[in-house]
Amino acid sequence: MTIDMSVWQGRTDLEDGERGYRFHQKVQSADEAKKPGCMLIGFASDEGVSRNKGRVGAYSAPTEIRKMLANLPWHHHSLAVFDSGDVRCDDHDLAKAQRHLADNISEAMRQKHFPLILGGGHEVAWGTFQGLANHYLQKGHSEIPRIGIINFDAHFDLRSCAGNAQNGSSGTPFSQIAEFCQSRHWPFHYACLGVSRSNNTQALFDKARDLKVLVVEDTDFTAATIATIEDRLSTFISGVDALYLTIDIDVFPAAIAPGVSAPAVHGVDYALVESLIRGIGQAKDKDGLPKLKIADIAELNPRYDIDNHTSRLAARLVWTISRSLANDMVTDTKGVK
């Protein structure tokens, strides 16, 4: 992948020294990665969105997220953040692009980096999971990994592939993951938070029930119910060894996130989602290491954004997730297990 560091530009407050640094002053090229850290990997694709009959435009999302992230202030302690460039789907061969993404993820994890993927349509999720699965397979774990997937999304994305796996789309990644787990006798632990009943058929709700998915509908997300949701999520997290966090920007109301492939009318309040993300980042395994091993952002569509509202929201999510790593990364020299 070609790494373009020219996008990392922003305000510089020289009078404040290092305490006035912003993100663009700390991000390094992956070529300079000499120690564990957070590895940003772009996935420039809206092939899956096109196949799912959505609004295309997510291809340019990784660059826009970087632009908005660049000027945010640095509160990440000594966390190292690297940019490895973009995996691009330019030839309509989505499966190949997802495999390429998976290879880059497993290599980043081998080098003790936390992969944070900037999508792209939600087809990114199948590539992300393959990379995480490859990491466990390559390490030859004797125990079957218990991976928990936490998806903030207005949609289940549990559609079946039409004909075969090569026909995957932005609507099929978690169905593909479920089939992968079943074929290898791995447990399938999936939580879909913020799902909209008005945007998912009864067949999809039935499939989620059959797969024992933890479901929290958008209408059930309120300040009054957040404690109950936290308890349910805590129980889910306690039953797994590793976490994969994926955030589809269309989980937020169209009023604050207009630039997505499929806008949500109701959506979930951003503050509630961010509070849950912080809790996810704090979850520890039996060795005291973070359970959160990988994360991605999906479905930002800059083509339909208004005054960069949605791009800024996506950048804030990346900022929040990466900051949650900071305290763990500076005390745990082993990095991602």
Protein backbone atom coordinates (compact mmCIF):
# COMPACT_ATOMS: atom_id res chain seq x y z
CA MET A 1 0.00 0.00 0.00
CA THR A 2 1.12 3.55 -0.72
CA ILE A 3 1.27 5.70 2.41
CA ASP A 4 0.34 9.35 1.84
CA MET A 5 1.30 11.35 4.91
CA SER A 6 0.48 14.70 3.25
CA VAL A 7 -3.11 14.50 4.55
CA TRP A 8 -1.86 14.92 8.13
CA GLN A 9 -1.96 18.70 8.34
CA GLY A 10 -3.39 21.13 10.86
CA ARG A 11 -2.86 23.91 13.35
CA THR A 12 0.48 24.10 15.16
CA ASP A 13 0.82 25.86 18.54
CA LEU A 14 4.59 26.12 18.91
CA GLU A 15 4.30 28.36 21.99
CA ASP A 16 2.76 25.48 23.97
CA GLY A 17 5.43 22.91 23.18
CA GLU A 18 4.46 19.23 23.27
CA ARG A 19 1.41 19.95 25.42
CA GLY A 20 -0.04 21.85 22.48
CA TYR A 21 0.37 18.98 20.02
CA ARG A 22 -2.40 17.81 17.75
CA PHE A 23 -2.92 14.46 16.09
CA HIS A 24 -1.13 15.39 12.87
CA GLN A 25 2.06 16.09 14.83
CA LYS A 26 2.15 12.62 16.38
CA VAL A 27 1.05 10.24 13.62
CA GLN A 28 3.94 8.43 11.96
CA SER A 29 4.19 6.40 8.77
CA ALA A 30 3.92 2.64 9.26
CA ASP A 31 7.39 2.47 7.74
CA GLU A 32 8.66 4.04 10.98
CA ALA A 33 6.85 1.64 13.32
CA LYS A 34 9.51 0.47 15.76
CA LYS A 35 7.33 -0.23 18.80
CA PRO A 36 3.79 -1.36 19.63
CA GLY A 37 1.02 1.14 18.98
CA CYS A 38 -2.21 1.84 17.14
CA MET A 39 -2.08 1.08 13.41
CA LEU A 40 -4.54 3.02 11.24
CA ILE A 41 -5.50 1.09 8.11
CA GLY A 42 -7.81 2.60 5.51
CA PHE A 43 -10.30 0.48 3.56
CA ALA A 44 -11.35 2.48 0.51
CA SER A 45 -14.38 0.60 -0.77
CA ASP A 46 -18.03 1.09 -1.51
CA GLU A 47 -18.33 -1.98 -3.72
CA GLY A 48 -20.31 -3.70 -0.97
CA VAL A 49 -22.63 -0.71 -0.61
CA SER A 50 -23.27 -0.72 -4.36
CA ARG A 51 -24.10 -4.43 -4.28
CA ASN A 52 -26.46 -3.78 -1.37
CA LYS A 53 -28.23 -1.06 -3.37
CA GLY A 54 -27.05 1.73 -1.08
CA ARG A 55 -25.70 5.22 -1.77
CA VAL A 56 -22.11 4.94 -2.94
CA GLY A 57 -19.43 7.37 -1.80
CA ALA A 58 -17.87 5.58 1.18
CA TYR A 59 -14.72 4.94 -0.88
CA SER A 60 -13.35 8.38 0.04
CA ALA A 61 -14.14 8.05 3.75
CA PRO A 62 -10.66 7.03 5.02
CA THR A 63 -9.09 10.23 3.68
CA GLU A 64 -11.84 12.44 5.11
CA ILE A 65 -11.56 10.81 8.54
CA ARG A 66 -7.83 11.48 8.56
CA LYS A 67 -8.40 15.12 7.61
CA MET A 68 -10.82 15.67 10.49
CA LEU A 69 -8.70 13.65 12.94
CA ALA A 70 -5.52 15.55 12.06
CA ASN A 71 -6.43 18.73 13.93
CA LEU A 72 -7.82 17.15 17.09
CA PRO A 73 -5.71 17.75 20.21
CA TRP A 74 -3.39 15.03 21.43
CA HIS A 75 -4.40 13.56 24.80
CA HIS A 76 -3.00 10.09 24.15
CA HIS A 77 0.06 10.13 26.43
CA SER A 78 2.93 8.22 24.83
CA LEU A 79 0.75 6.04 22.61
CA ALA A 80 2.38 5.53 19.22
CA VAL A 81 0.01 5.94 16.26
CA PHE A 82 0.97 4.83 12.78
CA ASP A 83 -0.69 5.15 9.37
CA SER A 84 -0.27 2.28 6.92
CA GLY A 85 -2.26 3.81 4.05
CA ASP A 86 -5.31 2.36 2.30
CA VAL A 87 -6.40 -0.99 0.97
CA ARG A 88 -8.40 -0.09 -2.14
CA CYS A 89 -11.14 -1.93 -4.00
CA ASP A 90 -10.74 -0.49 -7.50
CA ASP A 91 -11.58 -3.51 -9.66
CA HIS A 92 -14.93 -4.66 -8.16
CA ASP A 93 -13.16 -7.70 -6.67
CA LEU A 94 -14.39 -7.19 -3.13
CA ALA A 95 -13.28 -10.59 -1.84
CA LYS A 96 -9.71 -9.88 -2.94
CA ALA A 97 -9.71 -6.47 -1.22
CA GLN A 98 -11.07 -8.04 1.98
CA ARG A 99 -8.31 -10.67 1.90
CA HIS A 100 -5.74 -7.92 1.37
CA LEU A 101 -7.14 -6.05 4.37
CA ALA A 102 -7.07 -9.24 6.45
CA ASP A 103 -3.41 -9.83 5.58
CA ASN A 104 -2.49 -6.30 6.65
CA ILE A 105 -4.42 -6.68 9.90
CA SER A 106 -2.84 -10.01 10.86
CA GLU A 107 0.62 -8.60 10.06
CA ALA A 108 -0.07 -5.53 12.22
CA MET A 109 -1.17 -7.77 15.09
CA ARG A 110 1.91 -9.94 14.66
CA GLN A 111 3.96 -6.79 15.24
CA LYS A 112 1.98 -6.00 18.42
CA HIS A 113 -0.12 -3.20 16.94
CA PHE A 114 -3.80 -2.51 17.59
CA PRO A 115 -5.48 -2.31 14.16
CA LEU A 116 -7.99 0.52 13.81
CA ILE A 117 -9.58 0.35 10.37
CA LEU A 118 -11.10 3.36 8.63
CA GLY A 119 -13.85 2.25 6.24
CA GLY A 120 -15.39 2.18 3.73
CA GLY A 121 -18.68 0.36 3.53
CA HIS A 122 -19.57 -2.16 6.20
CA GLU A 123 -18.16 -4.87 3.98
CA VAL A 124 -15.01 -3.87 5.88
CA ALA A 125 -16.25 -6.06 8.75
CA TRP A 126 -15.70 -9.34 6.90
CA GLY A 127 -12.13 -8.30 6.10
CA THR A 128 -11.54 -7.14 9.68
CA PHE A 129 -12.78 -10.38 11.18
CA GLN A 130 -10.73 -12.48 8.76
CA GLY A 131 -7.62 -10.58 9.86
CA LEU A 132 -8.40 -11.20 13.52
CA ALA A 133 -9.19 -14.88 12.87
CA ASN A 134 -5.95 -15.28 10.91
CA HIS A 135 -4.06 -13.89 13.89
CA TYR A 136 -5.39 -16.67 16.13
CA LEU A 137 -4.93 -19.36 13.49
CA GLN A 138 -1.35 -18.32 12.76
CA LYS A 139 -0.46 -18.31 16.43
CA GLY A 140 -1.73 -21.87 16.71
CA HIS A 141 -3.90 -21.34 19.77
CA SER A 142 -4.81 -24.66 21.35
CA GLU A 143 -8.07 -23.25 22.67
CA ILE A 144 -10.91 -22.16 20.41
CA PRO A 145 -11.03 -18.34 20.57
CA ARG A 146 -14.15 -16.81 22.05
CA ILE A 147 -14.45 -13.58 20.05
CA GLY A 148 -17.22 -11.15 20.85
CA ILE A 149 -18.38 -8.80 18.10
CA ILE A 150 -19.98 -5.55 19.25
CA ASN A 151 -21.65 -3.70 16.40
CA PHE A 152 -23.26 -0.28 16.82
CA ASP A 153 -25.53 -0.26 13.80
CA ALA A 154 -29.04 0.48 12.60
CA HIS A 155 -28.86 -2.76 10.58
CA PHE A 156 -28.07 -6.37 11.47
CA ASP A 157 -26.04 -6.88 8.25
CA LEU A 158 -26.98 -10.56 8.47
CA ARG A 159 -28.17 -10.97 4.89
CA SER A 160 -27.17 -14.19 3.16
CA CYS A 161 -24.79 -13.99 0.21
CA ALA A 162 -26.59 -14.42 -3.11
CA GLY A 163 -25.28 -17.69 -4.53
CA ASN A 164 -21.84 -17.84 -2.89
CA ALA A 165 -19.42 -15.98 -0.64
CA GLN A 166 -17.98 -14.06 -3.60
CA ASN A 167 -21.29 -12.17 -3.71
CA GLY A 168 -20.86 -10.57 -0.30
CA SER A 169 -21.95 -6.99 0.26
CA SER A 170 -22.17 -4.40 3.01
CA GLY A 171 -25.28 -6.23 4.19
CA THR A 172 -23.71 -9.68 4.60
CA PRO A 173 -20.55 -9.47 6.77
CA PHE A 174 -21.93 -10.89 10.00
CA SER A 175 -23.68 -13.70 8.16
CA GLN A 176 -20.32 -14.52 6.55
CA ILE A 177 -18.66 -14.43 9.97
CA ALA A 178 -21.35 -16.70 11.45
CA GLU A 179 -20.80 -19.22 8.64
CA PHE A 180 -17.02 -19.02 9.15
CA CYS A 181 -17.41 -19.73 12.86
CA GLN A 182 -19.82 -22.59 12.24
CA SER A 183 -17.47 -24.24 9.73
CA ARG A 184 -14.63 -24.21 12.28
CA HIS A 185 -16.75 -24.98 15.33
CA TRP A 186 -15.99 -21.57 16.81
CA PRO A 187 -18.69 -19.92 18.94
CA PHE A 188 -20.45 -16.95 17.35
CA HIS A 189 -20.94 -14.10 19.83
CA TYR A 190 -22.61 -11.08 18.25
CA ALA A 191 -24.17 -7.98 19.82
CA CYS A 192 -26.00 -5.50 17.58
CA LEU A 193 -26.74 -2.27 19.42
CA GLY A 194 -29.00 0.45 18.05
CA VAL A 195 -30.72 -1.70 15.44
CA SER A 196 -33.80 -0.17 13.83
CA ARG A 197 -36.90 -2.34 13.51
CA SER A 198 -38.13 -0.09 10.70
CA ASN A 199 -34.98 -0.84 8.68
CA ASN A 200 -34.76 -4.61 9.13
CA THR A 201 -37.21 -7.25 7.94
CA GLN A 202 -38.81 -9.79 10.25
CA ALA A 203 -36.65 -12.43 8.53
CA LEU A 204 -33.53 -10.64 9.77
CA PHE A 205 -34.90 -10.40 13.30
CA ASP A 206 -35.69 -14.12 13.11
CA LYS A 207 -32.14 -14.88 11.99
CA ALA A 208 -30.72 -12.76 14.80
CA ARG A 209 -32.88 -14.70 17.27
CA ASP A 210 -31.72 -18.05 15.86
CA LEU A 211 -28.08 -16.95 16.14
CA LYS A 212 -28.68 -15.76 19.73
CA VAL A 213 -27.62 -12.20 18.91
CA LEU A 214 -27.71 -9.66 21.73
CA VAL A 215 -30.10 -7.05 20.33
CA VAL A 216 -30.79 -3.55 21.62
CA GLU A 217 -33.15 -1.54 19.42
CA ASP A 218 -32.69 2.17 18.81
CA THR A 219 -35.97 2.96 20.56
CA ASP A 220 -34.63 1.30 23.73
CA PHE A 221 -31.55 3.54 23.87
CA THR A 222 -32.25 6.33 26.36
CA ALA A 223 -30.51 7.92 29.32
CA ALA A 224 -33.00 6.12 31.55
CA THR A 225 -32.14 2.67 30.15
CA ILE A 226 -28.38 3.04 29.65
CA ALA A 227 -27.57 1.34 32.97
CA THR A 228 -29.58 -1.72 31.91
CA ILE A 229 -27.83 -1.76 28.53
CA GLU A 230 -24.45 -1.53 30.30
CA ASP A 231 -25.37 -4.53 32.43
CA ARG A 232 -26.41 -6.60 29.41
CA LEU A 233 -23.25 -5.62 27.56
CA SER A 234 -21.10 -6.42 30.60
CA THR A 235 -22.58 -9.92 30.71
CA PHE A 236 -21.85 -10.34 27.00
CA ILE A 237 -18.25 -9.16 27.45
CA SER A 238 -17.67 -11.46 30.43
CA GLY A 239 -18.47 -14.45 28.21
CA VAL A 240 -15.72 -13.80 25.65
CA ASP A 241 -11.93 -13.58 25.63
CA ALA A 242 -11.47 -10.96 22.90
CA LEU A 243 -13.56 -8.12 21.49
CA TYR A 244 -13.99 -6.74 18.00
CA LEU A 245 -15.70 -3.34 17.98
CA THR A 246 -17.33 -2.12 14.77
CA ILE A 247 -19.26 1.12 14.42
CA ASP A 248 -21.56 1.84 11.51
CA ILE A 249 -22.06 5.61 11.41
CA ASP A 250 -25.68 5.14 10.36
CA VAL A 251 -26.47 4.16 13.96
CA PHE A 252 -26.65 7.90 14.67
CA PRO A 253 -29.61 10.13 13.71
CA ALA A 254 -29.49 11.61 10.22
CA ALA A 255 -29.69 15.05 11.84
CA ILE A 256 -26.14 14.66 13.18
CA ALA A 257 -24.86 12.07 10.69
CA PRO A 258 -26.29 12.94 7.26
CA GLY A 259 -23.22 11.68 5.40
CA VAL A 260 -23.88 7.94 5.47
CA SER A 261 -24.92 5.31 2.95
CA ALA A 262 -28.29 4.68 4.65
CA PRO A 263 -29.45 7.54 6.93
CA ALA A 264 -31.33 6.68 10.13
CA VAL A 265 -34.45 8.60 11.14
CA HIS A 266 -34.42 7.67 14.84
CA GLY A 267 -30.84 6.69 15.59
CA VAL A 268 -28.99 6.64 18.91
CA ASP A 269 -27.63 9.60 20.84
CA TYR A 270 -23.88 9.97 20.37
CA ALA A 271 -23.14 10.52 24.07
CA LEU A 272 -24.71 7.17 24.97
CA VAL A 273 -22.65 5.33 22.36
CA GLU A 274 -19.43 7.02 23.44
CA SER A 275 -20.00 6.10 27.08
CA LEU A 276 -20.40 2.44 26.11
CA ILE A 277 -17.27 2.58 23.93
CA ARG A 278 -15.24 3.83 26.87
CA GLY A 279 -16.48 0.89 28.94
CA ILE A 280 -15.62 -1.56 26.17
CA GLY A 281 -12.10 -0.18 26.05
CA GLN A 282 -11.69 -0.73 29.79
CA ALA A 283 -12.66 -4.43 29.76
CA LYS A 284 -9.78 -6.73 30.78
CA ASP A 285 -9.10 -10.41 30.25
CA LYS A 286 -7.86 -12.90 32.88
CA ASP A 287 -4.29 -11.67 32.40
CA GLY A 288 -5.25 -8.04 32.96
CA LEU A 289 -4.85 -7.16 29.27
CA PRO A 290 -7.48 -5.28 27.24
CA LYS A 291 -10.12 -7.52 25.72
CA LEU A 292 -10.58 -5.06 22.87
CA LYS A 293 -8.23 -6.30 20.13
CA ILE A 294 -9.45 -4.53 17.00
CA ALA A 295 -11.95 -1.91 15.82
CA ASP A 296 -13.28 -0.37 12.63
CA ILE A 297 -15.47 2.51 11.48
CA ALA A 298 -17.89 1.99 8.59
CA GLU A 299 -20.35 3.68 6.23
CA LEU A 300 -19.18 7.29 6.36
CA ASN A 301 -20.20 8.76 3.00
CA PRO A 302 -18.56 12.17 2.49
CA ARG A 303 -20.48 12.68 -0.76
CA TYR A 304 -23.66 13.34 1.24
CA ASP A 305 -22.11 15.06 4.24
CA ILE A 306 -23.03 18.59 5.32
CA ASP A 307 -20.20 20.88 6.48
CA ASN A 308 -18.16 17.79 7.46
CA HIS A 309 -20.57 16.99 10.33
CA THR A 310 -20.38 13.22 9.81
CA SER A 311 -16.66 13.15 9.04
CA ARG A 312 -16.02 15.00 12.30
CA LEU A 313 -18.19 12.51 14.18
CA ALA A 314 -16.25 9.59 12.66
CA ALA A 315 -12.95 11.26 13.58
CA ARG A 316 -14.18 11.76 17.15
CA LEU A 317 -14.90 8.03 17.36
CA VAL A 318 -11.40 7.19 16.16
CA TRP A 319 -10.00 9.70 18.66
CA THR A 320 -12.03 8.13 21.49
CA ILE A 321 -11.09 4.55 20.64
CA SER A 322 -7.41 5.33 20.23
CA ARG A 323 -7.36 7.33 23.47
CA SER A 324 -8.85 4.34 25.31
CA LEU A 325 -5.72 2.43 24.28
CA ALA A 326 -3.30 5.02 25.61
CA ASN A 327 -3.20 4.05 29.30
CA ASP A 328 -3.02 0.34 28.48
CA MET A 329 -0.36 0.72 25.82
CA VAL A 330 1.98 2.71 28.04
CA THR A 331 1.78 0.19 30.88
CA ASP A 332 1.60 -3.03 28.84
CA THR A 333 4.75 -3.41 26.75
CA LYS A 334 3.40 -6.66 25.33
CA GLY A 335 0.73 -4.75 23.41
CA VAL A 336 -1.98 -6.81 21.69
CA LYS A 337 -1.93 -10.39 22.81
